[in-house]
């Protein structure tokens, strides 16, 4: 494996540091196909996590991840750089997931996987109860709210990026996040 300047990639497989992503993408499109592994290394965990939040099992999430990267590879020449590559990739992932969920009709939030990590048995018990309450409350949100909440809080996407990913107008996303927070607050007050 070579780096962007023709030298060996130090520690390939460890961090997948990509100094100049636009240049890397250009080189892949121009024929250095093996460099696509660097993009996979950088984004595989996040795409797989998104797959888990939509499909709730490792096998389907792995299939989803492979499908997303295949689509990204096949369409990489259509990436114009008007947004970050991650936003473009998450848009592909989101559309792939929504199409899969539409066929399966089962979307659940990633909140269960991301929230809380305890240290003592008492903390673990309290956090498990809190996690259960949050997961239940998030699970009761309308799907359009859950998707915006997941992308905003758990994938750390901006309102603009969520708009690019979901196709929702920015004001709609703000409204969905606001309403979701209000509903969650109401449902969790008794906890």
C-alpha atoms as a PDB file:
ATOM      1  CA  UNK A   1       0.000   0.000   0.000  1.00  0.00           C
ATOM      2  CA  UNK A   2       1.340   3.441  -0.827  1.00  0.00           C
ATOM      3  CA  UNK A   3       0.469   6.829   0.552  1.00  0.00           C
ATOM      4  CA  UNK A   4      -0.620   9.820  -1.471  1.00  0.00           C
ATOM      5  CA  UNK A   5       2.963  10.753  -2.200  1.00  0.00           C
ATOM      6  CA  UNK A   6       3.950   7.275  -3.397  1.00  0.00           C
ATOM      7  CA  UNK A   7       5.575   6.123  -0.144  1.00  0.00           C
ATOM      8  CA  UNK A   8       4.540   3.279   2.136  1.00  0.00           C
ATOM      9  CA  UNK A   9       1.599   3.834   4.451  1.00  0.00           C
ATOM     10  CA  UNK A  10       3.019   3.540   7.945  1.00  0.00           C
ATOM     11  CA  UNK A  11       0.953   1.373  10.247  1.00  0.00           C
ATOM     12  CA  UNK A  12      -1.644   0.567   7.595  1.00  0.00           C
ATOM     13  CA  UNK A  13      -4.584  -0.971   9.378  1.00  0.00           C
ATOM     14  CA  UNK A  14      -4.143   0.940  12.616  1.00  0.00           C
ATOM     15  CA  UNK A  15      -5.546   4.453  12.388  1.00  0.00           C
ATOM     16  CA  UNK A  16      -6.243   4.980   8.700  1.00  0.00           C
ATOM     17  CA  UNK A  17      -5.106   8.588   8.863  1.00  0.00           C
ATOM     18  CA  UNK A  18      -5.987  10.230   5.577  1.00  0.00           C
ATOM     19  CA  UNK A  19      -4.180  13.542   5.208  1.00  0.00           C
ATOM     20  CA  UNK A  20      -6.004  14.798   2.100  1.00  0.00           C
ATOM     21  CA  UNK A  21      -9.320  13.081   1.490  1.00  0.00           C
ATOM     22  CA  UNK A  22     -10.218  14.999  -1.712  1.00  0.00           C
ATOM     23  CA  UNK A  23      -6.853  14.049  -3.232  1.00  0.00           C
ATOM     24  CA  UNK A  24      -7.333  10.446  -2.142  1.00  0.00           C
ATOM     25  CA  UNK A  25     -10.774  10.330  -3.784  1.00  0.00           C
ATOM     26  CA  UNK A  26      -9.332  11.827  -6.970  1.00  0.00           C
ATOM     27  CA  UNK A  27      -6.605   9.170  -7.027  1.00  0.00           C
ATOM     28  CA  UNK A  28      -9.157   6.378  -6.518  1.00  0.00           C
ATOM     29  CA  UNK A  29     -11.352   7.691  -9.343  1.00  0.00           C
ATOM     30  CA  UNK A  30      -8.269   7.950 -11.584  1.00  0.00           C
ATOM     31  CA  UNK A  31      -7.493   4.273 -11.118  1.00  0.00           C
ATOM     32  CA  UNK A  32      -5.750   3.657  -7.782  1.00  0.00           C
ATOM     33  CA  UNK A  33      -8.668   1.485  -6.643  1.00  0.00           C
ATOM     34  CA  UNK A  34      -6.756  -0.172  -3.774  1.00  0.00           C
ATOM     35  CA  UNK A  35      -6.737   3.178  -1.918  1.00  0.00           C
ATOM     36  CA  UNK A  36     -10.491   2.820  -1.351  1.00  0.00           C
ATOM     37  CA  UNK A  37      -9.549   0.597   1.596  1.00  0.00           C
ATOM     38  CA  UNK A  38      -8.390   3.726   3.406  1.00  0.00           C
ATOM     39  CA  UNK A  39     -11.881   5.218   3.170  1.00  0.00           C
ATOM     40  CA  UNK A  40     -13.420   1.956   4.333  1.00  0.00           C
ATOM     41  CA  UNK A  41     -11.050   1.903   7.298  1.00  0.00           C
ATOM     42  CA  UNK A  42     -11.982   5.433   8.276  1.00  0.00           C
ATOM     43  CA  UNK A  43     -15.781   5.066   8.045  1.00  0.00           C
ATOM     44  CA  UNK A  44     -16.520   1.377   8.525  1.00  0.00           C
ATOM     45  CA  UNK A  45     -17.310   1.562  12.261  1.00  0.00           C
ATOM     46  CA  UNK A  46     -19.730   4.457  11.845  1.00  0.00           C
ATOM     47  CA  UNK A  47     -21.524   2.896   8.888  1.00  0.00           C
ATOM     48  CA  UNK A  48     -21.727  -0.427  10.729  1.00  0.00           C
ATOM     49  CA  UNK A  49     -23.142   1.345  13.810  1.00  0.00           C
ATOM     50  CA  UNK A  50     -25.775   2.956  11.627  1.00  0.00           C
ATOM     51  CA  UNK A  51     -26.609  -0.497  10.276  1.00  0.00           C
ATOM     52  CA  UNK A  52     -26.984  -1.844  13.808  1.00  0.00           C
ATOM     53  CA  UNK A  53     -29.341   0.987  14.725  1.00  0.00           C
ATOM     54  CA  UNK A  54     -31.554   0.205  11.773  1.00  0.00           C
ATOM     55  CA  UNK A  55     -31.378  -3.602  11.608  1.00  0.00           C
ATOM     56  CA  UNK A  56     -30.510  -4.643  15.171  1.00  0.00           C
ATOM     57  CA  UNK A  57     -28.336  -7.653  14.364  1.00  0.00           C
ATOM     58  CA  UNK A  58     -24.711  -8.096  13.441  1.00  0.00           C
ATOM     59  CA  UNK A  59     -25.242 -10.122  10.277  1.00  0.00           C
ATOM     60  CA  UNK A  60     -27.662  -7.641   8.704  1.00  0.00           C
ATOM     61  CA  UNK A  61     -25.462  -4.718   9.791  1.00  0.00           C
ATOM     62  CA  UNK A  62     -22.450  -6.383   8.135  1.00  0.00           C
ATOM     63  CA  UNK A  63     -24.422  -6.939   4.911  1.00  0.00           C
ATOM     64  CA  UNK A  64     -25.632  -3.336   5.086  1.00  0.00           C
ATOM     65  CA  UNK A  65     -22.066  -2.042   5.575  1.00  0.00           C
ATOM     66  CA  UNK A  66     -20.798  -4.021   2.610  1.00  0.00           C
ATOM     67  CA  UNK A  67     -23.691  -2.784   0.457  1.00  0.00           C
ATOM     68  CA  UNK A  68     -23.064   0.860   1.428  1.00  0.00           C
ATOM     69  CA  UNK A  69     -19.360   0.688   0.574  1.00  0.00           C
ATOM     70  CA  UNK A  70     -20.083  -1.114  -2.690  1.00  0.00           C
ATOM     71  CA  UNK A  71     -22.518   1.654  -3.666  1.00  0.00           C
ATOM     72  CA  UNK A  72     -20.027   4.337  -2.600  1.00  0.00           C
ATOM     73  CA  UNK A  73     -17.231   2.701  -4.598  1.00  0.00           C
ATOM     74  CA  UNK A  74     -19.420   2.282  -7.665  1.00  0.00           C
ATOM     75  CA  UNK A  75     -20.578   5.921  -7.496  1.00  0.00           C
ATOM     76  CA  UNK A  76     -17.399   7.599  -6.234  1.00  0.00           C
ATOM     77  CA  UNK A  77     -16.915   9.436  -9.519  1.00  0.00           C
ATOM     78  CA  UNK A  78     -20.230  11.243  -8.873  1.00  0.00           C
ATOM     79  CA  UNK A  79     -18.890  12.737  -5.607  1.00  0.00           C
ATOM     80  CA  UNK A  80     -18.317  16.421  -6.388  1.00  0.00           C
ATOM     81  CA  UNK A  81     -16.887  17.594  -3.081  1.00  0.00           C
ATOM     82  CA  UNK A  82     -19.665  20.113  -2.390  1.00  0.00           C
ATOM     83  CA  UNK A  83     -20.099  18.485   1.022  1.00  0.00           C
ATOM     84  CA  UNK A  84     -17.771  16.421   3.159  1.00  0.00           C
ATOM     85  CA  UNK A  85     -17.218  12.887   1.944  1.00  0.00           C
ATOM     86  CA  UNK A  86     -18.661  11.596   5.219  1.00  0.00           C
ATOM     87  CA  UNK A  87     -21.929  13.447   4.551  1.00  0.00           C
ATOM     88  CA  UNK A  88     -22.111  11.980   1.041  1.00  0.00           C
ATOM     89  CA  UNK A  89     -21.384   8.488   2.402  1.00  0.00           C
ATOM     90  CA  UNK A  90     -23.945   8.811   5.227  1.00  0.00           C
ATOM     91  CA  UNK A  91     -26.525   9.869   2.662  1.00  0.00           C
ATOM     92  CA  UNK A  92     -25.887   6.626   0.792  1.00  0.00           C
ATOM     93  CA  UNK A  93     -26.043   4.721   4.086  1.00  0.00           C
ATOM     94  CA  UNK A  94     -29.255   6.435   5.149  1.00  0.00           C
ATOM     95  CA  UNK A  95     -30.974   5.761   1.821  1.00  0.00           C
ATOM     96  CA  UNK A  96     -29.803   2.146   1.854  1.00  0.00           C
ATOM     97  CA  UNK A  97     -31.065   1.702   5.408  1.00  0.00           C
ATOM     98  CA  UNK A  98     -34.419   3.365   4.740  1.00  0.00           C
ATOM     99  CA  UNK A  99     -34.927   1.140   1.696  1.00  0.00           C
ATOM    100  CA  UNK A 100     -34.058  -1.912   3.796  1.00  0.00           C
ATOM    101  CA  UNK A 101     -36.280  -0.834   6.681  1.00  0.00           C
ATOM    102  CA  UNK A 102     -39.155  -0.092   4.335  1.00  0.00           C
ATOM    103  CA  UNK A 103     -38.925  -3.706   3.263  1.00  0.00           C
ATOM    104  CA  UNK A 104     -38.621  -4.902   6.885  1.00  0.00           C
ATOM    105  CA  UNK A 105     -40.500  -2.145   8.763  1.00  0.00           C
ATOM    106  CA  UNK A 106     -38.336  -2.179  11.887  1.00  0.00           C
ATOM    107  CA  UNK A 107     -36.271   0.870  12.818  1.00  0.00           C
ATOM    108  CA  UNK A 108     -34.879   1.164  16.339  1.00  0.00           C
ATOM    109  CA  UNK A 109     -32.658   3.830  17.729  1.00  0.00           C
ATOM    110  CA  UNK A 110     -28.938   3.478  18.338  1.00  0.00           C
ATOM    111  CA  UNK A 111     -29.462   5.062  21.773  1.00  0.00           C
ATOM    112  CA  UNK A 112     -29.228   1.682  23.476  1.00  0.00           C
ATOM    113  CA  UNK A 113     -25.726   1.080  22.101  1.00  0.00           C
ATOM    114  CA  UNK A 114     -24.305   4.547  22.698  1.00  0.00           C
ATOM    115  CA  UNK A 115     -25.577   5.712  26.067  1.00  0.00           C
ATOM    116  CA  UNK A 116     -23.796   5.154  29.362  1.00  0.00           C
ATOM    117  CA  UNK A 117     -20.895   3.063  30.515  1.00  0.00           C
ATOM    118  CA  UNK A 118     -20.760   2.272  34.247  1.00  0.00           C
ATOM    119  CA  UNK A 119     -17.919   1.637  36.638  1.00  0.00           C
ATOM    120  CA  UNK A 120     -19.390   0.128  39.836  1.00  0.00           C
ATOM    121  CA  UNK A 121     -22.225  -2.404  40.125  1.00  0.00           C
ATOM    122  CA  UNK A 122     -24.469   0.299  41.616  1.00  0.00           C
ATOM    123  CA  UNK A 123     -23.696   2.689  38.776  1.00  0.00           C
ATOM    124  CA  UNK A 124     -24.266  -0.079  36.250  1.00  0.00           C
ATOM    125  CA  UNK A 125     -27.682  -0.897  37.741  1.00  0.00           C
ATOM    126  CA  UNK A 126     -28.727   2.758  37.802  1.00  0.00           C
ATOM    127  CA  UNK A 127     -27.429   3.357  34.291  1.00  0.00           C
ATOM    128  CA  UNK A 128     -29.118   0.179  33.023  1.00  0.00           C
ATOM    129  CA  UNK A 129     -32.447   1.411  34.412  1.00  0.00           C
ATOM    130  CA  UNK A 130     -31.879   4.859  32.907  1.00  0.00           C
ATOM    131  CA  UNK A 131     -30.843   3.318  29.573  1.00  0.00           C
ATOM    132  CA  UNK A 132     -33.980   1.175  29.550  1.00  0.00           C
ATOM    133  CA  UNK A 133     -36.138   4.243  30.208  1.00  0.00           C
ATOM    134  CA  UNK A 134     -34.394   6.288  27.502  1.00  0.00           C
ATOM    135  CA  UNK A 135     -34.511   3.450  24.957  1.00  0.00           C
ATOM    136  CA  UNK A 136     -38.204   2.933  25.661  1.00  0.00           C
ATOM    137  CA  UNK A 137     -38.904   6.677  25.357  1.00  0.00           C
ATOM    138  CA  UNK A 138     -36.858   7.039  22.158  1.00  0.00           C
ATOM    139  CA  UNK A 139     -38.507   3.896  20.783  1.00  0.00           C
ATOM    140  CA  UNK A 140     -41.921   5.510  21.247  1.00  0.00           C
ATOM    141  CA  UNK A 141     -40.972   8.581  19.214  1.00  0.00           C
ATOM    142  CA  UNK A 142     -42.323   8.831  15.669  1.00  0.00           C
ATOM    143  CA  UNK A 143     -39.764   7.393  13.223  1.00  0.00           C
ATOM    144  CA  UNK A 144     -39.009  10.760  11.589  1.00  0.00           C
ATOM    145  CA  UNK A 145     -38.070  12.157  15.032  1.00  0.00           C
ATOM    146  CA  UNK A 146     -35.950   9.116  15.960  1.00  0.00           C
ATOM    147  CA  UNK A 147     -33.929   9.381  12.754  1.00  0.00           C
ATOM    148  CA  UNK A 148     -33.184  13.086  13.339  1.00  0.00           C
ATOM    149  CA  UNK A 149     -32.340  12.487  17.022  1.00  0.00           C
ATOM    150  CA  UNK A 150     -29.987   9.621  16.161  1.00  0.00           C
ATOM    151  CA  UNK A 151     -28.164  11.554  13.466  1.00  0.00           C
ATOM    152  CA  UNK A 152     -27.955  14.724  15.586  1.00  0.00           C
ATOM    153  CA  UNK A 153     -27.000  13.278  18.979  1.00  0.00           C
ATOM    154  CA  UNK A 154     -25.454   9.896  18.260  1.00  0.00           C
ATOM    155  CA  UNK A 155     -23.758  10.516  14.911  1.00  0.00           C
ATOM    156  CA  UNK A 156     -22.930  14.147  15.712  1.00  0.00           C
ATOM    157  CA  UNK A 157     -24.231  15.425  12.388  1.00  0.00           C
ATOM    158  CA  UNK A 158     -25.147  19.087  11.937  1.00  0.00           C
ATOM    159  CA  UNK A 159     -28.647  20.173  10.956  1.00  0.00           C
ATOM    160  CA  UNK A 160     -27.375  20.924   7.459  1.00  0.00           C
ATOM    161  CA  UNK A 161     -25.761  17.498   7.146  1.00  0.00           C
ATOM    162  CA  UNK A 162     -28.933  15.786   8.395  1.00  0.00           C
ATOM    163  CA  UNK A 163     -30.795  17.674   5.683  1.00  0.00           C
ATOM    164  CA  UNK A 164     -28.371  16.416   3.079  1.00  0.00           C
ATOM    165  CA  UNK A 165     -28.588  12.867   4.423  1.00  0.00           C
ATOM    166  CA  UNK A 166     -32.373  12.637   4.890  1.00  0.00           C
ATOM    167  CA  UNK A 167     -33.644  15.136   2.347  1.00  0.00           C
ATOM    168  CA  UNK A 168     -35.647  16.895   5.081  1.00  0.00           C
ATOM    169  CA  UNK A 169     -35.596  20.734   5.048  1.00  0.00           C
ATOM    170  CA  UNK A 170     -33.423  22.231   7.804  1.00  0.00           C
ATOM    171  CA  UNK A 171     -36.381  23.858   9.591  1.00  0.00           C
ATOM    172  CA  UNK A 172     -38.181  20.515   9.606  1.00  0.00           C
ATOM    173  CA  UNK A 173     -35.151  18.851  11.182  1.00  0.00           C
ATOM    174  CA  UNK A 174     -34.912  21.556  13.843  1.00  0.00           C
ATOM    175  CA  UNK A 175     -38.603  21.092  14.528  1.00  0.00           C
ATOM    176  CA  UNK A 176     -38.254  17.299  14.728  1.00  0.00           C
ATOM    177  CA  UNK A 177     -35.314  17.511  17.144  1.00  0.00           C
ATOM    178  CA  UNK A 178     -37.101  20.132  19.263  1.00  0.00           C
ATOM    179  CA  UNK A 179     -40.325  18.099  19.415  1.00  0.00           C
ATOM    180  CA  UNK A 180     -38.429  14.892  20.112  1.00  0.00           C
ATOM    181  CA  UNK A 181     -36.575  16.511  23.011  1.00  0.00           C
ATOM    182  CA  UNK A 182     -39.852  17.830  24.397  1.00  0.00           C
ATOM    183  CA  UNK A 183     -41.526  14.412  24.133  1.00  0.00           C
ATOM    184  CA  UNK A 184     -38.515  12.708  25.703  1.00  0.00           C
ATOM    185  CA  UNK A 185     -38.451  15.221  28.553  1.00  0.00           C
ATOM    186  CA  UNK A 186     -42.157  14.606  29.236  1.00  0.00           C
ATOM    187  CA  UNK A 187     -41.770  10.823  29.126  1.00  0.00           C
ATOM    188  CA  UNK A 188     -38.653  10.769  31.279  1.00  0.00           C
ATOM    189  CA  UNK A 189     -39.762  13.244  33.991  1.00  0.00           C
ATOM    190  CA  UNK A 190     -41.125  10.402  36.113  1.00  0.00           C
ATOM    191  CA  UNK A 191     -37.825   8.542  35.993  1.00  0.00           C
END
